[in-house]
Amino acid sequence: MTSLFDSVTFGKIALANRLVMAPMTRNRAKPCGGATELMAEYYAQRASAGLIITEGTQPSQVGQGFLNTPGLHHPEQVKSWRTVTDAVHAAGGRIVVQLMHSGRIGHPALYDSAHRSVAPSAIAAAGQCFTPAGPQDYPVPHELTTDEIAATVRDFADAARGAVEAGFDGVQVHAGNGFLLHQFLAENTNHRTDAYGGSLAGRIRLTVEVTEAVATAIGNERTSVRVSPGNTYNDIAEGDTQALYAALVPALPELAFLEVCEIVSRPVTRAVRDLWQGSLVVNPHATADSFPASAETAQQILDEGLADAVSLGALFLANPDLPARIASGGPFNAADESTFYGGDHRGYTDYPVLGR
């Protein structure tokens, strides 16, 4: 029987155990997008995880969707991340950076340049963005041209190369949670009639191209992808979840691992498991009776052969030494759900209330 404490290797990333820290946005970066000493301390505290996946990190300025989130598109940002990776490695950990382009989830008030957010189509998201002037409605985004799409692919690849320079063990491409790549995947946000829209092959094209570009830049064995099938967060409606992921998953290149952020549908996760021949990480859904997902849930996923490792978010947030606490049977600090917002997202990716 596979244990949470068995080692495993994903591509070129060796994990001491199968407990992965899920990506959780913390809004602790410098206004310029640089990493901070507080971030280095935070991640080093959790270095006993088999692998840490960082908070979403923008590959370009236009990819920023939240206040005080980090970037990897400027040399000073790359340099600042070295403090984080050195701290994690000194503590014996492994860490990959999640590259997250927010797409239409953003606002001109976030940037000195006051530029418009971008998206597959000029369709505004429902909801509001937290800005320096307070909450503001999401504006109608700029519809990316094909040349701008090509530039976005290059941005991801350049950021991936910067990640390796910054000392990361790998890169995760975020293709879920209603951000740019997910916006291209979903029917309600992608009304394009060119090669990047319409058919399933068109809608999955950007995610595949970005993933291939990152893998070419840093190696397949250091590249991973996160998907969130059926997730409605950030005003997303995929429309045909089963068919969408039946098309996307086999089209992805060989990866170090694929991560499924599970929302409510275990059958979809099982379908992905059947389709994906490589290493799989599952971020299990919480329920009304179980927030956050428990260590018992994580072990059950391994027992069922559903995944090769399990990623946990809120439990790692509340318990920096989570592997040791699981090994000893607790006690566990309770995760304070009041520090999360995002409706049905329920803490899979952590969006803290600003100012906390």
Protein backbone atom coordinates (compact mmCIF):
# COMPACT_ATOMS: atom_id res chain seq x y z
CA MET A 1 0.00 0.00 0.00
CA THR A 2 1.29 3.45 -0.93
CA SER A 3 1.73 5.80 2.01
CA LEU A 4 1.67 9.58 2.16
CA PHE A 5 5.23 9.26 3.46
CA ASP A 6 6.64 7.23 0.57
CA SER A 7 9.07 9.08 -1.66
CA VAL A 8 8.33 9.59 -5.34
CA THR A 9 9.99 11.28 -8.32
CA PHE A 10 8.07 13.41 -10.79
CA GLY A 11 10.25 13.96 -13.84
CA LYS A 12 13.43 15.43 -12.36
CA ILE A 13 11.74 16.53 -9.13
CA ALA A 14 12.37 14.17 -6.21
CA LEU A 15 9.76 14.32 -3.45
CA ALA A 16 10.55 13.02 0.05
CA ASN A 17 6.85 12.35 0.61
CA ARG A 18 3.56 12.55 -1.29
CA LEU A 19 2.12 15.54 0.52
CA VAL A 20 2.13 18.52 -1.83
CA MET A 21 1.42 22.06 -0.68
CA ALA A 22 -1.22 23.48 -3.03
CA PRO A 23 -0.81 26.95 -4.57
CA MET A 24 -2.32 29.65 -2.34
CA THR A 25 -2.31 33.35 -3.19
CA ARG A 26 -1.12 35.41 -0.21
CA ASN A 27 -0.82 39.01 -1.54
CA ARG A 28 2.50 39.55 0.23
CA ALA A 29 4.71 40.58 -2.69
CA LYS A 30 6.19 44.03 -3.15
CA PRO A 31 4.16 46.48 -5.25
CA CYS A 32 6.74 45.95 -8.01
CA GLY A 33 6.01 42.21 -7.98
CA GLY A 34 9.17 41.16 -6.15
CA ALA A 35 9.25 38.40 -3.56
CA THR A 36 9.80 39.39 0.08
CA GLU A 37 11.57 38.07 3.16
CA LEU A 38 8.15 37.26 4.63
CA MET A 39 7.46 35.03 1.63
CA ALA A 40 10.80 33.28 2.10
CA GLU A 41 9.97 32.62 5.75
CA TYR A 42 6.46 31.41 4.90
CA TYR A 43 7.60 28.87 2.31
CA ALA A 44 10.63 27.69 4.32
CA GLN A 45 8.32 26.96 7.25
CA ARG A 46 6.49 24.47 4.98
CA ALA A 47 9.57 22.87 3.38
CA SER A 48 8.75 19.46 4.90
CA ALA A 49 6.10 19.09 2.21
CA GLY A 50 7.19 16.68 -0.49
CA LEU A 51 6.73 19.59 -2.87
CA ILE A 52 5.59 23.20 -2.58
CA ILE A 53 3.65 24.82 -5.41
CA THR A 54 3.82 28.57 -5.02
CA GLU A 55 1.12 31.18 -5.21
CA GLY A 56 0.09 32.24 -8.70
CA THR A 57 2.86 34.34 -10.25
CA GLN A 58 2.23 36.53 -13.28
CA PRO A 59 4.36 35.91 -16.40
CA SER A 60 3.75 39.49 -17.59
CA GLN A 61 2.48 42.74 -16.12
CA VAL A 62 -0.81 42.44 -17.98
CA GLY A 63 -1.22 39.01 -16.39
CA GLN A 64 -1.60 40.48 -12.89
CA GLY A 65 -5.08 40.23 -11.44
CA PHE A 66 -4.64 41.01 -7.74
CA LEU A 67 -2.85 43.46 -5.49
CA ASN A 68 0.64 42.58 -4.27
CA THR A 69 1.06 39.37 -6.23
CA PRO A 70 4.52 38.37 -7.46
CA GLY A 71 5.84 38.28 -11.00
CA LEU A 72 8.58 36.63 -13.02
CA HIS A 73 8.82 39.02 -15.95
CA HIS A 74 11.54 41.41 -14.77
CA PRO A 75 15.17 40.67 -13.78
CA GLU A 76 14.67 42.14 -10.32
CA GLN A 77 11.68 39.87 -9.73
CA VAL A 78 13.74 36.86 -10.78
CA LYS A 79 16.52 37.92 -8.41
CA SER A 80 14.10 38.41 -5.51
CA TRP A 81 12.74 34.86 -5.79
CA ARG A 82 16.21 33.44 -5.14
CA THR A 83 15.79 34.33 -1.46
CA VAL A 84 12.69 32.11 -1.38
CA THR A 85 14.13 29.14 -3.25
CA ASP A 86 17.38 29.23 -1.27
CA ALA A 87 15.42 29.24 2.00
CA VAL A 88 13.29 26.26 0.95
CA HIS A 89 16.25 24.28 -0.33
CA ALA A 90 18.25 25.02 2.83
CA ALA A 91 15.37 23.49 4.79
CA GLY A 92 15.44 20.38 2.59
CA GLY A 93 12.39 21.19 0.48
CA ARG A 94 11.45 21.27 -3.19
CA ILE A 95 9.50 24.14 -4.77
CA VAL A 96 7.94 24.88 -8.16
CA VAL A 97 6.45 28.19 -9.19
CA GLN A 98 2.93 28.45 -10.57
CA LEU A 99 2.70 30.75 -13.58
CA MET A 100 -0.76 32.32 -13.60
CA HIS A 101 -2.00 34.83 -16.16
CA SER A 102 -5.24 36.27 -14.77
CA GLY A 103 -6.66 37.37 -18.13
CA ARG A 104 -9.91 39.30 -17.70
CA ILE A 105 -9.67 39.00 -13.89
CA GLY A 106 -7.97 42.31 -13.23
CA HIS A 107 -8.43 46.07 -13.44
CA PRO A 108 -6.49 49.07 -14.87
CA ALA A 109 -6.29 50.52 -11.34
CA LEU A 110 -3.82 47.77 -10.42
CA TYR A 111 -1.13 49.04 -12.77
CA ASP A 112 0.79 52.28 -13.21
CA SER A 113 0.24 51.90 -16.94
CA ALA A 114 -3.55 51.64 -16.40
CA HIS A 115 -3.81 49.17 -19.28
CA ARG A 116 -6.87 47.01 -19.94
CA SER A 117 -6.99 43.39 -18.93
CA VAL A 118 -7.02 40.87 -21.77
CA ALA A 119 -9.11 37.82 -22.62
CA PRO A 120 -10.05 35.49 -25.47
CA SER A 121 -13.16 37.62 -26.10
CA ALA A 122 -14.34 41.07 -25.02
CA ILE A 123 -16.67 39.76 -22.30
CA ALA A 124 -16.49 41.21 -18.79
CA ALA A 125 -16.48 38.90 -15.78
CA ALA A 126 -19.17 39.23 -13.17
CA GLY A 127 -17.86 40.43 -9.84
CA GLN A 128 -15.35 42.96 -8.59
CA CYS A 129 -11.62 43.41 -8.34
CA PHE A 130 -9.92 44.63 -5.17
CA THR A 131 -7.96 47.75 -6.16
CA PRO A 132 -6.09 50.49 -4.28
CA ALA A 133 -9.31 52.52 -4.53
CA GLY A 134 -11.46 49.69 -3.21
CA PRO A 135 -13.64 47.10 -5.00
CA GLN A 136 -14.41 47.95 -8.62
CA ASP A 137 -16.37 46.06 -11.26
CA TYR A 138 -14.34 44.02 -13.71
CA PRO A 139 -14.18 46.01 -16.98
CA VAL A 140 -14.70 44.69 -20.48
CA PRO A 141 -11.30 43.21 -21.42
CA HIS A 142 -9.34 43.65 -24.62
CA GLU A 143 -9.73 40.70 -26.99
CA LEU A 144 -6.29 39.29 -27.74
CA THR A 145 -5.17 39.33 -31.35
CA THR A 146 -3.33 36.31 -32.74
CA ASP A 147 -0.05 38.24 -32.55
CA GLU A 148 -0.77 39.06 -28.90
CA ILE A 149 -1.55 35.41 -28.22
CA ALA A 150 1.83 34.47 -29.67
CA ALA A 151 3.45 37.08 -27.42
CA THR A 152 1.61 35.62 -24.41
CA VAL A 153 3.03 32.18 -25.19
CA ARG A 154 6.51 33.71 -25.29
CA ASP A 155 5.85 35.45 -21.97
CA PHE A 156 5.17 32.10 -20.31
CA ALA A 157 8.31 30.57 -21.78
CA ASP A 158 10.45 33.55 -20.74
CA ALA A 159 9.01 33.43 -17.22
CA ALA A 160 9.77 29.71 -17.04
CA ARG A 161 13.40 30.36 -17.94
CA GLY A 162 13.43 33.06 -15.27
CA ALA A 163 12.07 30.54 -12.78
CA VAL A 164 14.97 28.19 -13.39
CA GLU A 165 17.39 31.11 -13.02
CA ALA A 166 15.66 31.94 -9.73
CA GLY A 167 16.34 28.43 -8.44
CA PHE A 168 12.95 26.79 -8.74
CA ASP A 169 12.81 23.03 -9.21
CA GLY A 170 10.14 23.40 -11.86
CA VAL A 171 7.15 25.34 -13.17
CA GLN A 172 3.41 24.79 -13.06
CA VAL A 173 1.20 26.26 -15.79
CA HIS A 174 -2.13 27.32 -14.28
CA ALA A 175 -4.96 26.35 -16.64
CA GLY A 176 -7.83 26.51 -14.18
CA ASN A 177 -9.80 28.61 -11.70
CA GLY A 178 -11.19 30.98 -14.32
CA PHE A 179 -7.90 32.62 -15.30
CA LEU A 180 -6.65 33.24 -18.85
CA LEU A 181 -6.03 29.70 -20.05
CA HIS A 182 -9.27 28.53 -18.48
CA GLN A 183 -11.02 31.46 -20.16
CA PHE A 184 -9.86 30.09 -23.52
CA LEU A 185 -11.10 26.62 -22.55
CA ALA A 186 -14.59 27.71 -21.49
CA GLU A 187 -17.59 28.28 -23.77
CA ASN A 188 -18.92 31.36 -21.99
CA THR A 189 -15.65 33.30 -22.18
CA ASN A 190 -14.34 32.15 -25.56
CA HIS A 191 -16.53 33.32 -28.45
CA ARG A 192 -13.69 33.38 -30.98
CA THR A 193 -14.15 32.09 -34.50
CA ASP A 194 -10.45 31.76 -35.36
CA ALA A 195 -8.03 28.92 -34.60
CA TYR A 196 -8.22 29.64 -30.86
CA GLY A 197 -11.98 29.24 -30.50
CA GLY A 198 -15.06 27.45 -31.74
CA SER A 199 -14.23 23.75 -31.68
CA LEU A 200 -12.72 21.90 -28.74
CA ALA A 201 -9.47 21.72 -30.67
CA GLY A 202 -9.49 25.51 -30.94
CA ARG A 203 -10.38 26.13 -27.31
CA ILE A 204 -7.62 23.88 -25.95
CA ARG A 205 -5.00 25.23 -28.35
CA LEU A 206 -3.56 28.01 -26.18
CA THR A 207 -3.18 25.79 -23.11
CA VAL A 208 -1.36 23.19 -25.20
CA GLU A 209 0.85 25.80 -26.88
CA VAL A 210 1.79 27.45 -23.58
CA THR A 211 2.58 24.09 -21.99
CA GLU A 212 4.69 23.01 -24.95
CA ALA A 213 6.56 26.34 -24.93
CA VAL A 214 7.34 26.04 -21.22
CA ALA A 215 8.43 22.42 -21.63
CA THR A 216 10.70 23.41 -24.53
CA ALA A 217 12.20 26.22 -22.43
CA ILE A 218 12.97 24.24 -19.28
CA GLY A 219 12.34 20.58 -20.07
CA ASN A 220 9.23 18.41 -19.86
CA GLU A 221 10.59 16.81 -16.70
CA ARG A 222 10.34 20.16 -14.86
CA THR A 223 6.96 21.23 -16.28
CA SER A 224 3.51 20.63 -14.80
CA VAL A 225 -0.05 21.83 -15.40
CA ARG A 226 -2.98 22.51 -13.09
CA VAL A 227 -6.58 22.09 -14.27
CA SER A 228 -9.86 22.52 -12.39
CA PRO A 229 -12.57 20.65 -14.32
CA GLY A 230 -16.07 21.98 -13.74
CA ASN A 231 -14.90 24.96 -11.73
CA THR A 232 -17.27 27.93 -12.03
CA TYR A 233 -15.00 30.31 -10.10
CA ASN A 234 -14.38 33.71 -11.72
CA ASP A 235 -17.61 33.47 -13.71
CA ILE A 236 -16.62 30.44 -15.80
CA ALA A 237 -18.98 28.01 -17.52
CA GLU A 238 -17.10 25.33 -19.44
CA GLY A 239 -20.27 23.99 -21.00
CA ASP A 240 -19.02 20.50 -21.81
CA THR A 241 -16.60 19.49 -19.09
CA GLN A 242 -16.30 15.79 -19.93
CA ALA A 243 -15.65 16.41 -23.63
CA LEU A 244 -13.34 19.35 -22.91
CA TYR A 245 -10.93 17.39 -20.74
CA ALA A 246 -11.20 14.31 -22.92
CA ALA A 247 -9.74 16.55 -25.64
CA LEU A 248 -7.25 18.50 -23.51
CA VAL A 249 -5.59 15.85 -21.37
CA PRO A 250 -4.32 13.59 -24.19
CA ALA A 251 -3.16 16.67 -26.12
CA LEU A 252 -0.78 17.79 -23.38
CA PRO A 253 2.90 16.92 -23.77
CA GLU A 254 4.74 14.65 -21.38
CA LEU A 255 4.96 16.38 -18.00
CA ALA A 256 6.58 15.97 -14.60
CA PHE A 257 3.00 15.80 -13.32
CA LEU A 258 -0.55 16.96 -13.92
CA GLU A 259 -2.56 18.38 -11.00
CA VAL A 260 -6.34 18.21 -10.82
CA CYS A 261 -8.01 20.75 -8.56
CA GLU A 262 -11.15 18.79 -7.74
CA ILE A 263 -14.28 20.84 -7.25
CA VAL A 264 -17.23 18.51 -6.68
CA SER A 265 -17.03 15.79 -9.30
CA ARG A 266 -14.96 12.68 -8.49
CA PRO A 267 -16.08 11.00 -11.76
CA VAL A 268 -14.35 13.75 -13.76
CA THR A 269 -11.17 13.20 -11.73
CA ARG A 270 -11.37 9.48 -12.44
CA ALA A 271 -11.79 10.24 -16.13
CA VAL A 272 -8.65 12.38 -16.08
CA ARG A 273 -6.80 9.58 -14.27
CA ASP A 274 -7.82 7.16 -17.01
CA LEU A 275 -6.73 9.57 -19.75
CA TRP A 276 -3.41 10.67 -18.24
CA GLN A 277 -0.51 8.24 -18.50
CA GLY A 278 1.91 10.23 -16.35
CA SER A 279 2.12 11.22 -12.68
CA LEU A 280 -1.05 12.76 -11.26
CA VAL A 281 -1.58 14.97 -8.21
CA VAL A 282 -5.11 15.48 -6.90
CA ASN A 283 -6.20 18.46 -4.82
CA PRO A 284 -9.31 16.92 -3.19
CA HIS A 285 -12.50 18.87 -2.78
CA ALA A 286 -13.73 19.89 0.63
CA THR A 287 -17.36 19.38 1.58
CA ALA A 288 -19.83 21.16 3.83
CA ASP A 289 -18.94 18.59 6.50
CA SER A 290 -15.19 18.59 5.95
CA PHE A 291 -13.27 21.85 5.58
CA PRO A 292 -10.47 21.58 4.76
CA ALA A 293 -9.88 18.22 3.07
CA SER A 294 -8.30 15.95 5.68
CA ALA A 295 -5.24 13.73 5.88
CA GLU A 296 -7.59 10.76 5.87
CA THR A 297 -9.01 11.95 2.55
CA ALA A 298 -5.49 12.29 1.18
CA GLN A 299 -4.55 8.73 2.14
CA GLN A 300 -7.81 7.40 0.72
CA ILE A 301 -6.97 8.94 -2.65
CA LEU A 302 -3.67 7.07 -2.68
CA ASP A 303 -5.36 3.86 -1.54
CA GLU A 304 -7.79 4.09 -4.46
CA GLY A 305 -4.94 4.58 -6.92
CA LEU A 306 -6.53 7.85 -7.99
CA ALA A 307 -3.30 9.84 -7.74
CA ASP A 308 0.42 9.54 -7.10
CA ALA A 309 0.41 12.41 -4.58
CA VAL A 310 -2.14 14.69 -2.92
CA SER A 311 -2.03 18.48 -2.67
CA LEU A 312 -3.54 20.24 0.34
CA GLY A 313 -4.02 23.97 0.79
CA ALA A 314 -5.83 25.19 3.89
CA LEU A 315 -4.43 22.39 6.05
CA PHE A 316 -0.86 23.40 5.11
CA LEU A 317 -1.72 27.04 5.73
CA ALA A 318 -2.84 26.29 9.29
CA ASN A 319 -0.16 23.67 9.97
CA PRO A 320 3.27 24.58 8.53
CA ASP A 321 4.69 21.27 9.84
CA LEU A 322 1.80 19.26 8.43
CA PRO A 323 3.71 16.05 7.53
CA ALA A 324 4.98 15.72 11.10
CA ARG A 325 1.51 16.34 12.52
CA ILE A 326 -0.02 13.72 10.22
CA ALA A 327 2.69 11.22 11.17
CA SER A 328 2.00 11.73 14.88
CA GLY A 329 -1.77 11.79 14.51
CA GLY A 330 -2.09 15.50 15.31
CA PRO A 331 -2.99 17.75 16.95
CA PHE A 332 -3.97 19.97 14.01
CA ASN A 333 -4.52 23.70 14.02
CA ALA A 334 -7.97 24.49 12.70
CA ALA A 335 -8.15 26.25 9.34
CA ASP A 336 -10.05 29.51 9.75
CA GLU A 337 -12.49 29.58 6.84
CA SER A 338 -13.14 33.27 7.48
CA THR A 339 -9.73 34.05 5.97
CA PHE A 340 -10.93 32.73 2.60
CA TYR A 341 -13.21 34.20 0.04
CA GLY A 342 -14.34 32.93 -3.33
CA GLY A 343 -17.70 31.24 -2.79
CA ASP A 344 -17.68 27.60 -3.80
CA HIS A 345 -13.89 27.66 -4.17
CA ARG A 346 -13.65 26.95 -0.41
CA GLY A 347 -9.92 27.37 -0.02
CA TYR A 348 -8.40 25.18 -2.74
CA THR A 349 -6.41 28.21 -3.70
CA ASP A 350 -6.24 30.65 -0.83
CA TYR A 351 -7.38 34.21 -1.43
CA PRO A 352 -6.94 35.91 1.95
CA VAL A 353 -9.11 38.81 3.00
CA LEU A 354 -6.99 41.84 2.27
CA GLY A 355 -5.29 43.29 5.31
CA ARG A 356 -5.20 40.05 7.29
